[in-house]
Amino acid sequence: MIRVFADASGLVLEHKGMFRRASASLTIDALFVAEDPVATAHDLWVKGAPTTQPTAPGAPIHSQEVWAAGVTYLRSRTARMEESKDAGGGSFYDRVYLAPRPELFFKGTPHRVAAPGTPVKIRVDSKWNVPEPELTLALNRHGKIFGYTVGNDMSSRDIEGENPLYLPQAKVYDRSTALGPCLLVSDEALPPHTLIAIQIRRGGVPVFTGATEISQLKRSFTELAEYLFRDNSFPNGTYLMTGTGVVPPDSFTLTRGDEIRITIEPIGTLVNPVA
């Protein structure tokens, strides 16, 4: 496993606790278009110059789109049904959870993605907003899963619940996504007990904590990737968020000034304030 950090000077690679500055030939795009991204990252780590861990890493994205899968956990199905029941959309999410075809939707472009430590946003026309902590797959241009990062799929639950057709407005807006703190490049699958944990702090005090294991996912990563690449091309590769199994109670909404901390080991912790 190699962790790839992006900063203002390029890329830093970490392997077994040692950090090396990659040559200029290694970019995030170079990994996503490589035939074997894992071998490419390892080769360039070997050739890199010793350095230290970046103090202010950026989001590990360059030309990639970000897509997302919905209703992949039972908890998400239940939350979506509850929020949309008054609009007559409650059964939609139950049917998606059970259907052969997954829900996949466009989430963002690089300029909409918040880096670690930079603010994510809540919509000015929404009163019920939550973060969604998600393991996010890195897929190369051929649809091969070669890595993982931590993702935050910011969601306006009142807008989505008003009408399922409003999903793009509830999900896609400036700084509605955060990725980081690095890209974990590996040809080894993460173990089923891998934990996705979230803590939301308000005034430095935790106001919500939750966790789930990726074993609770209804669909496999390869299934989600295969559906995404059906009749669709990604010349620079893409990120795919795999859904959330942690949803705050209906009484909870984010407020400006909150801090969101999402941890998935061995990737790390993604921290973003809310603006």
C-alpha atoms as a PDB file:
ATOM      1  CA  MET A   1       0.000   0.000   0.000  1.00  0.00           C
ATOM      2  CA  ILE A   2       1.205   3.484  -0.901  1.00  0.00           C
ATOM      3  CA  ARG A   3      -0.489   6.657   0.277  1.00  0.00           C
ATOM      4  CA  VAL A   4      -0.310   9.542  -2.188  1.00  0.00           C
ATOM      5  CA  PHE A   5      -0.600  13.113  -0.881  1.00  0.00           C
ATOM      6  CA  ALA A   6      -1.014  16.124  -3.163  1.00  0.00           C
ATOM      7  CA  ASP A   7       0.402  19.486  -2.111  1.00  0.00           C
ATOM      8  CA  ALA A   8       1.411  22.756  -3.738  1.00  0.00           C
ATOM      9  CA  SER A   9       4.754  21.307  -4.876  1.00  0.00           C
ATOM     10  CA  GLY A  10       3.445  18.082  -6.380  1.00  0.00           C
ATOM     11  CA  LEU A  11       2.995  14.644  -4.880  1.00  0.00           C
ATOM     12  CA  VAL A  12       4.412  12.971  -1.794  1.00  0.00           C
ATOM     13  CA  LEU A  13       4.248   9.193  -1.457  1.00  0.00           C
ATOM     14  CA  GLU A  14       4.266   7.307   1.832  1.00  0.00           C
ATOM     15  CA  HIS A  15       5.120   3.631   2.251  1.00  0.00           C
ATOM     16  CA  LYS A  16       5.659   1.900   5.594  1.00  0.00           C
ATOM     17  CA  GLY A  17       6.104   5.212   7.382  1.00  0.00           C
ATOM     18  CA  MET A  18       8.649   6.656   4.956  1.00  0.00           C
ATOM     19  CA  PHE A  19       7.843   9.686   2.800  1.00  0.00           C
ATOM     20  CA  ARG A  20       9.320  10.498  -0.596  1.00  0.00           C
ATOM     21  CA  ARG A  21       8.783  13.362  -2.986  1.00  0.00           C
ATOM     22  CA  ALA A  22       7.760  12.042  -6.398  1.00  0.00           C
ATOM     23  CA  SER A  23       9.341  13.238  -9.584  1.00  0.00           C
ATOM     24  CA  ALA A  24       7.430  15.701 -11.706  1.00  0.00           C
ATOM     25  CA  SER A  25       6.367  12.870 -14.009  1.00  0.00           C
ATOM     26  CA  LEU A  26       3.953  11.525 -11.406  1.00  0.00           C
ATOM     27  CA  THR A  27       0.679  13.374 -11.301  1.00  0.00           C
ATOM     28  CA  ILE A  28      -2.738  12.319 -10.104  1.00  0.00           C
ATOM     29  CA  ASP A  29      -3.795  12.075 -13.749  1.00  0.00           C
ATOM     30  CA  ALA A  30      -0.807   9.852 -14.537  1.00  0.00           C
ATOM     31  CA  LEU A  31      -1.997   7.348 -11.956  1.00  0.00           C
ATOM     32  CA  PHE A  32      -5.566   7.323 -13.225  1.00  0.00           C
ATOM     33  CA  VAL A  33      -4.573   6.742 -16.862  1.00  0.00           C
ATOM     34  CA  ALA A  34      -1.854   4.152 -16.140  1.00  0.00           C
ATOM     35  CA  GLU A  35      -2.446   0.553 -17.166  1.00  0.00           C
ATOM     36  CA  ASP A  36      -1.149  -0.520 -13.744  1.00  0.00           C
ATOM     37  CA  PRO A  37      -1.470   2.421 -11.313  1.00  0.00           C
ATOM     38  CA  VAL A  38      -0.201   0.377  -8.355  1.00  0.00           C
ATOM     39  CA  ALA A  39       3.031  -0.571 -10.131  1.00  0.00           C
ATOM     40  CA  THR A  40       3.430   3.014 -11.351  1.00  0.00           C
ATOM     41  CA  ALA A  41       3.104   4.433  -7.841  1.00  0.00           C
ATOM     42  CA  HIS A  42       5.522   1.886  -6.382  1.00  0.00           C
ATOM     43  CA  ASP A  43       8.138   2.512  -9.067  1.00  0.00           C
ATOM     44  CA  LEU A  44       8.023   6.250  -8.571  1.00  0.00           C
ATOM     45  CA  TRP A  45       8.120   5.897  -4.788  1.00  0.00           C
ATOM     46  CA  VAL A  46      11.344   3.887  -5.131  1.00  0.00           C
ATOM     47  CA  LYS A  47      12.824   6.664  -7.268  1.00  0.00           C
ATOM     48  CA  GLY A  48      11.554   9.525  -5.097  1.00  0.00           C
ATOM     49  CA  ALA A  49      13.618  11.790  -2.871  1.00  0.00           C
ATOM     50  CA  PRO A  50      13.217  11.514   0.937  1.00  0.00           C
ATOM     51  CA  THR A  51      10.929  14.130   2.437  1.00  0.00           C
ATOM     52  CA  THR A  52       8.392  14.646   5.228  1.00  0.00           C
ATOM     53  CA  GLN A  53       4.624  14.326   5.387  1.00  0.00           C
ATOM     54  CA  PRO A  54       2.824  17.317   3.851  1.00  0.00           C
ATOM     55  CA  THR A  55       1.293  19.627   6.426  1.00  0.00           C
ATOM     56  CA  ALA A  56      -1.418  20.986   4.116  1.00  0.00           C
ATOM     57  CA  PRO A  57      -2.360  18.347   1.541  1.00  0.00           C
ATOM     58  CA  GLY A  58      -4.810  19.177  -1.194  1.00  0.00           C
ATOM     59  CA  ALA A  59      -7.599  16.984  -2.499  1.00  0.00           C
ATOM     60  CA  PRO A  60      -6.140  14.063  -4.490  1.00  0.00           C
ATOM     61  CA  ILE A  61      -7.907  15.033  -7.705  1.00  0.00           C
ATOM     62  CA  HIS A  62      -6.914  16.715 -10.958  1.00  0.00           C
ATOM     63  CA  SER A  63      -9.083  15.973 -14.010  1.00  0.00           C
ATOM     64  CA  GLN A  64     -11.353  13.335 -12.533  1.00  0.00           C
ATOM     65  CA  GLU A  65     -15.108  13.486 -12.162  1.00  0.00           C
ATOM     66  CA  VAL A  66     -16.729  12.385  -8.911  1.00  0.00           C
ATOM     67  CA  TRP A  67     -19.718  10.040  -9.013  1.00  0.00           C
ATOM     68  CA  ALA A  68     -21.688   8.476  -6.190  1.00  0.00           C
ATOM     69  CA  ALA A  69     -23.803   5.450  -5.418  1.00  0.00           C
ATOM     70  CA  GLY A  70     -26.926   5.779  -3.312  1.00  0.00           C
ATOM     71  CA  VAL A  71     -28.974   3.516  -1.061  1.00  0.00           C
ATOM     72  CA  THR A  72     -26.203   0.924  -0.743  1.00  0.00           C
ATOM     73  CA  TYR A  73     -26.622   0.538   3.030  1.00  0.00           C
ATOM     74  CA  LEU A  74     -29.821  -0.381   4.850  1.00  0.00           C
ATOM     75  CA  ARG A  75     -29.472   2.732   7.058  1.00  0.00           C
ATOM     76  CA  SER A  76     -29.411   4.953   3.977  1.00  0.00           C
ATOM     77  CA  ARG A  77     -32.487   3.232   2.543  1.00  0.00           C
ATOM     78  CA  THR A  78     -34.393   3.851   5.778  1.00  0.00           C
ATOM     79  CA  ALA A  79     -33.358   7.517   5.966  1.00  0.00           C
ATOM     80  CA  ARG A  80     -34.254   8.217   2.330  1.00  0.00           C
ATOM     81  CA  MET A  81     -37.667   6.569   2.720  1.00  0.00           C
ATOM     82  CA  GLU A  82     -38.399   8.592   5.851  1.00  0.00           C
ATOM     83  CA  GLU A  83     -37.391  11.969   4.405  1.00  0.00           C
ATOM     84  CA  SER A  84     -39.436  11.526   1.200  1.00  0.00           C
ATOM     85  CA  LYS A  85     -42.569   9.782   2.497  1.00  0.00           C
ATOM     86  CA  ASP A  86     -44.692  12.944   2.432  1.00  0.00           C
ATOM     87  CA  ALA A  87     -43.761  13.524  -1.212  1.00  0.00           C
ATOM     88  CA  GLY A  88     -44.819  10.026  -2.220  1.00  0.00           C
ATOM     89  CA  GLY A  89     -41.278   8.921  -2.926  1.00  0.00           C
ATOM     90  CA  GLY A  90     -40.748   6.591   0.020  1.00  0.00           C
ATOM     91  CA  SER A  91     -41.145   3.385  -1.967  1.00  0.00           C
ATOM     92  CA  PHE A  92     -38.632   4.508  -4.601  1.00  0.00           C
ATOM     93  CA  TYR A  93     -35.700   3.993  -2.255  1.00  0.00           C
ATOM     94  CA  ASP A  94     -36.895   0.614  -1.053  1.00  0.00           C
ATOM     95  CA  ARG A  95     -37.164  -0.512  -4.662  1.00  0.00           C
ATOM     96  CA  VAL A  96     -33.677   0.818  -5.475  1.00  0.00           C
ATOM     97  CA  TYR A  97     -32.173  -0.991  -2.499  1.00  0.00           C
ATOM     98  CA  LEU A  98     -33.641  -4.284  -3.706  1.00  0.00           C
ATOM     99  CA  ALA A  99     -33.231  -3.769  -7.460  1.00  0.00           C
ATOM    100  CA  PRO A 100     -30.481  -5.366  -9.561  1.00  0.00           C
ATOM    101  CA  ARG A 101     -29.485  -1.911 -10.893  1.00  0.00           C
ATOM    102  CA  PRO A 102     -27.854   0.424  -8.346  1.00  0.00           C
ATOM    103  CA  GLU A 103     -28.525   4.130  -8.011  1.00  0.00           C
ATOM    104  CA  LEU A 104     -25.614   6.072  -9.508  1.00  0.00           C
ATOM    105  CA  PHE A 105     -25.465   9.833  -9.841  1.00  0.00           C
ATOM    106  CA  PHE A 106     -23.006  12.551 -10.824  1.00  0.00           C
ATOM    107  CA  LYS A 107     -21.570  14.327  -7.788  1.00  0.00           C
ATOM    108  CA  GLY A 108     -19.018  16.875  -8.952  1.00  0.00           C
ATOM    109  CA  THR A 109     -16.069  18.162 -10.895  1.00  0.00           C
ATOM    110  CA  PRO A 110     -12.658  19.055  -9.420  1.00  0.00           C
ATOM    111  CA  HIS A 111     -13.512  22.705  -8.759  1.00  0.00           C
ATOM    112  CA  ARG A 112     -16.462  21.636  -6.594  1.00  0.00           C
ATOM    113  CA  VAL A 113     -14.266  19.431  -4.369  1.00  0.00           C
ATOM    114  CA  ALA A 114     -13.033  20.747  -1.009  1.00  0.00           C
ATOM    115  CA  ALA A 115      -9.515  19.839   0.079  1.00  0.00           C
ATOM    116  CA  PRO A 116      -8.679  18.657   3.599  1.00  0.00           C
ATOM    117  CA  GLY A 117      -8.944  21.548   6.025  1.00  0.00           C
ATOM    118  CA  THR A 118     -10.944  23.750   3.641  1.00  0.00           C
ATOM    119  CA  PRO A 119     -14.666  24.427   4.073  1.00  0.00           C
ATOM    120  CA  VAL A 120     -17.497  22.375   2.674  1.00  0.00           C
ATOM    121  CA  LYS A 121     -20.702  24.318   2.180  1.00  0.00           C
ATOM    122  CA  ILE A 122     -24.394  24.017   2.917  1.00  0.00           C
ATOM    123  CA  ARG A 123     -26.892  25.437   0.463  1.00  0.00           C
ATOM    124  CA  VAL A 124     -28.413  28.818   1.274  1.00  0.00           C
ATOM    125  CA  ASP A 125     -31.878  27.500   0.293  1.00  0.00           C
ATOM    126  CA  SER A 126     -31.750  24.421   2.511  1.00  0.00           C
ATOM    127  CA  LYS A 127     -32.557  24.031   6.203  1.00  0.00           C
ATOM    128  CA  TRP A 128     -31.663  20.348   6.710  1.00  0.00           C
ATOM    129  CA  ASN A 129     -28.106  19.405   5.799  1.00  0.00           C
ATOM    130  CA  VAL A 130     -25.893  16.478   6.708  1.00  0.00           C
ATOM    131  CA  PRO A 131     -22.516  15.067   5.759  1.00  0.00           C
ATOM    132  CA  GLU A 132     -22.359  11.526   4.407  1.00  0.00           C
ATOM    133  CA  PRO A 133     -19.084   9.705   5.174  1.00  0.00           C
ATOM    134  CA  GLU A 134     -18.193   7.371   2.317  1.00  0.00           C
ATOM    135  CA  LEU A 135     -15.387   5.108   1.244  1.00  0.00           C
ATOM    136  CA  THR A 136     -14.537   6.364  -2.219  1.00  0.00           C
ATOM    137  CA  LEU A 137     -13.079   4.221  -4.985  1.00  0.00           C
ATOM    138  CA  ALA A 138     -10.380   5.375  -7.399  1.00  0.00           C
ATOM    139  CA  LEU A 139     -11.037   3.875 -10.843  1.00  0.00           C
ATOM    140  CA  ASN A 140      -8.584   4.150 -13.712  1.00  0.00           C
ATOM    141  CA  ARG A 141      -9.710   4.831 -17.270  1.00  0.00           C
ATOM    142  CA  HIS A 142     -10.451   1.135 -17.780  1.00  0.00           C
ATOM    143  CA  GLY A 143     -12.664   0.910 -14.694  1.00  0.00           C
ATOM    144  CA  LYS A 144     -10.079  -0.910 -12.592  1.00  0.00           C
ATOM    145  CA  ILE A 145     -10.222  -0.210  -8.849  1.00  0.00           C
ATOM    146  CA  PHE A 146      -6.695   0.745  -7.826  1.00  0.00           C
ATOM    147  CA  GLY A 147      -7.176   2.837  -4.711  1.00  0.00           C
ATOM    148  CA  TYR A 148      -9.347   4.456  -2.104  1.00  0.00           C
ATOM    149  CA  THR A 149      -9.880   7.801  -0.419  1.00  0.00           C
ATOM    150  CA  VAL A 150     -12.196   9.278   2.189  1.00  0.00           C
ATOM    151  CA  GLY A 151     -15.209  11.101   0.804  1.00  0.00           C
ATOM    152  CA  ASN A 152     -17.813  13.458   2.232  1.00  0.00           C
ATOM    153  CA  ASP A 153     -21.029  13.577   0.199  1.00  0.00           C
ATOM    154  CA  MET A 154     -22.733  16.708   1.516  1.00  0.00           C
ATOM    155  CA  SER A 155     -26.509  16.437   1.180  1.00  0.00           C
ATOM    156  CA  SER A 156     -29.509  18.741   1.555  1.00  0.00           C
ATOM    157  CA  ARG A 157     -32.031  16.290   2.941  1.00  0.00           C
ATOM    158  CA  ASP A 158     -35.027  18.624   2.810  1.00  0.00           C
ATOM    159  CA  ILE A 159     -34.525  19.329  -0.900  1.00  0.00           C
ATOM    160  CA  GLU A 160     -34.042  15.664  -1.762  1.00  0.00           C
ATOM    161  CA  GLY A 161     -36.995  14.694   0.398  1.00  0.00           C
ATOM    162  CA  GLU A 162     -39.302  17.261  -1.192  1.00  0.00           C
ATOM    163  CA  ASN A 163     -39.055  15.440  -4.518  1.00  0.00           C
ATOM    164  CA  PRO A 164     -36.624  12.714  -5.640  1.00  0.00           C
ATOM    165  CA  LEU A 165     -36.200  14.607  -8.926  1.00  0.00           C
ATOM    166  CA  TYR A 166     -34.470  17.361  -6.956  1.00  0.00           C
ATOM    167  CA  LEU A 167     -31.551  15.024  -6.186  1.00  0.00           C
ATOM    168  CA  PRO A 168     -29.026  16.967  -8.365  1.00  0.00           C
ATOM    169  CA  GLN A 169     -29.793  20.195  -6.494  1.00  0.00           C
ATOM    170  CA  ALA A 170     -29.512  18.428  -3.137  1.00  0.00           C
ATOM    171  CA  LYS A 171     -26.187  16.866  -4.067  1.00  0.00           C
ATOM    172  CA  VAL A 172     -24.316  18.974  -6.638  1.00  0.00           C
ATOM    173  CA  TYR A 173     -23.191  22.496  -5.787  1.00  0.00           C
ATOM    174  CA  ASP A 174     -19.926  24.281  -4.994  1.00  0.00           C
ATOM    175  CA  ARG A 175     -17.973  22.554  -2.197  1.00  0.00           C
ATOM    176  CA  SER A 176     -20.595  19.818  -1.899  1.00  0.00           C
ATOM    177  CA  THR A 177     -17.837  17.216  -1.916  1.00  0.00           C
ATOM    178  CA  ALA A 178     -14.628  16.703   0.022  1.00  0.00           C
ATOM    179  CA  LEU A 179     -11.889  14.152  -0.675  1.00  0.00           C
ATOM    180  CA  GLY A 180      -8.685  13.261   1.179  1.00  0.00           C
ATOM    181  CA  PRO A 181      -6.463  13.394   3.073  1.00  0.00           C
ATOM    182  CA  CYS A 182      -4.705  11.169   0.523  1.00  0.00           C
ATOM    183  CA  LEU A 183      -5.207   8.508  -2.119  1.00  0.00           C
ATOM    184  CA  LEU A 184      -4.409   5.017  -0.882  1.00  0.00           C
ATOM    185  CA  VAL A 185      -3.043   3.055  -3.860  1.00  0.00           C
ATOM    186  CA  SER A 186      -3.254  -0.700  -3.443  1.00  0.00           C
ATOM    187  CA  ASP A 187      -4.103  -3.875  -5.332  1.00  0.00           C
ATOM    188  CA  GLU A 188      -5.329  -5.405  -2.064  1.00  0.00           C
ATOM    189  CA  ALA A 189      -9.005  -5.185  -1.180  1.00  0.00           C
ATOM    190  CA  LEU A 190      -9.823  -3.499   2.104  1.00  0.00           C
ATOM    191  CA  PRO A 191     -10.985  -6.036   4.721  1.00  0.00           C
ATOM    192  CA  PRO A 192     -14.743  -6.253   5.452  1.00  0.00           C
ATOM    193  CA  HIS A 193     -14.235  -4.980   9.014  1.00  0.00           C
ATOM    194  CA  THR A 194     -12.821  -1.672   7.708  1.00  0.00           C
ATOM    195  CA  LEU A 195     -14.523   1.036   9.780  1.00  0.00           C
ATOM    196  CA  ILE A 196     -15.998   4.289   8.462  1.00  0.00           C
ATOM    197  CA  ALA A 197     -16.301   6.660  11.422  1.00  0.00           C
ATOM    198  CA  ILE A 198     -17.556  10.230  11.637  1.00  0.00           C
ATOM    199  CA  GLN A 199     -17.552  12.874  14.333  1.00  0.00           C
ATOM    200  CA  ILE A 200     -19.180  16.293  14.026  1.00  0.00           C
ATOM    201  CA  ARG A 201     -17.963  18.959  16.429  1.00  0.00           C
ATOM    202  CA  ARG A 202     -19.696  22.215  17.324  1.00  0.00           C
ATOM    203  CA  GLY A 203     -17.680  24.685  19.321  1.00  0.00           C
ATOM    204  CA  GLY A 204     -15.094  21.949  19.820  1.00  0.00           C
ATOM    205  CA  VAL A 205     -17.666  19.609  21.397  1.00  0.00           C
ATOM    206  CA  PRO A 206     -18.865  16.428  19.634  1.00  0.00           C
ATOM    207  CA  VAL A 207     -22.557  16.676  18.715  1.00  0.00           C
ATOM    208  CA  PHE A 208     -22.772  13.538  16.584  1.00  0.00           C
ATOM    209  CA  THR A 209     -20.668  10.409  16.234  1.00  0.00           C
ATOM    210  CA  GLY A 210     -21.306   7.285  14.244  1.00  0.00           C
ATOM    211  CA  ALA A 211     -19.605   4.401  12.504  1.00  0.00           C
ATOM    212  CA  THR A 212     -20.233   1.449  10.223  1.00  0.00           C
ATOM    213  CA  GLU A 213     -18.224  -1.298   8.551  1.00  0.00           C
ATOM    214  CA  ILE A 214     -17.924  -1.732   4.806  1.00  0.00           C
ATOM    215  CA  SER A 215     -19.214  -5.270   5.353  1.00  0.00           C
ATOM    216  CA  GLN A 216     -22.669  -3.646   5.654  1.00  0.00           C
ATOM    217  CA  LEU A 217     -22.625  -2.624   1.987  1.00  0.00           C
ATOM    218  CA  LYS A 218     -25.311  -4.442   0.018  1.00  0.00           C
ATOM    219  CA  ARG A 219     -23.393  -4.241  -3.275  1.00  0.00           C
ATOM    220  CA  SER A 220     -19.804  -5.081  -4.136  1.00  0.00           C
ATOM    221  CA  PHE A 221     -17.319  -2.470  -5.302  1.00  0.00           C
ATOM    222  CA  THR A 222     -16.808  -4.281  -8.602  1.00  0.00           C
ATOM    223  CA  GLU A 223     -20.569  -4.323  -9.222  1.00  0.00           C
ATOM    224  CA  LEU A 224     -20.818  -0.564  -8.679  1.00  0.00           C
ATOM    225  CA  ALA A 225     -17.794   0.100 -10.900  1.00  0.00           C
ATOM    226  CA  GLU A 226     -19.127  -2.137 -13.673  1.00  0.00           C
ATOM    227  CA  TYR A 227     -22.475  -0.335 -13.760  1.00  0.00           C
ATOM    228  CA  LEU A 228     -20.776   3.077 -13.774  1.00  0.00           C
ATOM    229  CA  PHE A 229     -18.647   2.165 -16.785  1.00  0.00           C
ATOM    230  CA  ARG A 230     -21.530   0.712 -18.801  1.00  0.00           C
ATOM    231  CA  ASP A 231     -21.753   2.806 -21.978  1.00  0.00           C
ATOM    232  CA  ASN A 232     -19.768   5.527 -20.221  1.00  0.00           C
ATOM    233  CA  SER A 233     -16.159   6.591 -20.643  1.00  0.00           C
ATOM    234  CA  PHE A 234     -13.760   8.297 -18.265  1.00  0.00           C
ATOM    235  CA  PRO A 235     -10.549   9.179 -20.161  1.00  0.00           C
ATOM    236  CA  ASN A 236      -8.935  10.491 -16.964  1.00  0.00           C
ATOM    237  CA  GLY A 237     -10.480   7.945 -14.640  1.00  0.00           C
ATOM    238  CA  THR A 238     -13.006   8.794 -11.948  1.00  0.00           C
ATOM    239  CA  TYR A 239     -13.849   8.627  -8.280  1.00  0.00           C
ATOM    240  CA  LEU A 240     -16.904   6.699  -7.116  1.00  0.00           C
ATOM    241  CA  MET A 241     -18.379   7.242  -3.661  1.00  0.00           C
ATOM    242  CA  THR A 242     -19.912   3.998  -2.427  1.00  0.00           C
ATOM    243  CA  GLY A 243     -22.763   5.261  -0.259  1.00  0.00           C
ATOM    244  CA  THR A 244     -23.227   5.931   3.422  1.00  0.00           C
ATOM    245  CA  GLY A 245     -24.207   3.720   6.307  1.00  0.00           C
ATOM    246  CA  VAL A 246     -24.076   6.546   8.866  1.00  0.00           C
ATOM    247  CA  VAL A 247     -26.907   9.093   8.878  1.00  0.00           C
ATOM    248  CA  PRO A 248     -27.541  11.545  11.755  1.00  0.00           C
ATOM    249  CA  PRO A 249     -31.020  11.538  13.308  1.00  0.00           C
ATOM    250  CA  ASP A 250     -33.765  13.562  11.636  1.00  0.00           C
ATOM    251  CA  SER A 251     -33.492  16.194  14.385  1.00  0.00           C
ATOM    252  CA  PHE A 252     -29.894  16.997  13.397  1.00  0.00           C
ATOM    253  CA  THR A 253     -28.675  19.523  10.837  1.00  0.00           C
ATOM    254  CA  LEU A 254     -25.269  21.025  10.209  1.00  0.00           C
ATOM    255  CA  THR A 255     -24.629  24.659  11.049  1.00  0.00           C
ATOM    256  CA  ARG A 256     -21.908  26.954   9.818  1.00  0.00           C
ATOM    257  CA  GLY A 257     -18.804  26.637  11.953  1.00  0.00           C
ATOM    258  CA  ASP A 258     -19.224  22.896  12.563  1.00  0.00           C
ATOM    259  CA  GLU A 259     -16.224  20.637  11.981  1.00  0.00           C
ATOM    260  CA  ILE A 260     -16.637  17.275  10.223  1.00  0.00           C
ATOM    261  CA  ARG A 261     -14.073  14.539  10.870  1.00  0.00           C
ATOM    262  CA  ILE A 262     -14.290  11.308   8.844  1.00  0.00           C
ATOM    263  CA  THR A 263     -11.816   8.497   9.512  1.00  0.00           C
ATOM    264  CA  ILE A 264     -11.190   5.388   7.431  1.00  0.00           C
ATOM    265  CA  GLU A 265      -8.035   3.497   8.277  1.00  0.00           C
ATOM    266  CA  PRO A 266      -5.562   2.928   6.718  1.00  0.00           C
ATOM    267  CA  ILE A 267      -6.387   6.003   4.599  1.00  0.00           C
ATOM    268  CA  GLY A 268      -6.577   8.562   7.397  1.00  0.00           C
ATOM    269  CA  THR A 269      -8.862  11.316   8.635  1.00  0.00           C
ATOM    270  CA  LEU A 270     -10.552  13.915   6.439  1.00  0.00           C
ATOM    271  CA  VAL A 271     -11.301  17.126   8.341  1.00  0.00           C
ATOM    272  CA  ASN A 272     -13.434  19.977   6.961  1.00  0.00           C
ATOM    273  CA  PRO A 273     -15.102  22.969   8.572  1.00  0.00           C
ATOM    274  CA  VAL A 274     -18.579  23.979   7.409  1.00  0.00           C
ATOM    275  CA  ALA A 275     -19.117  27.344   5.744  1.00  0.00           C
END
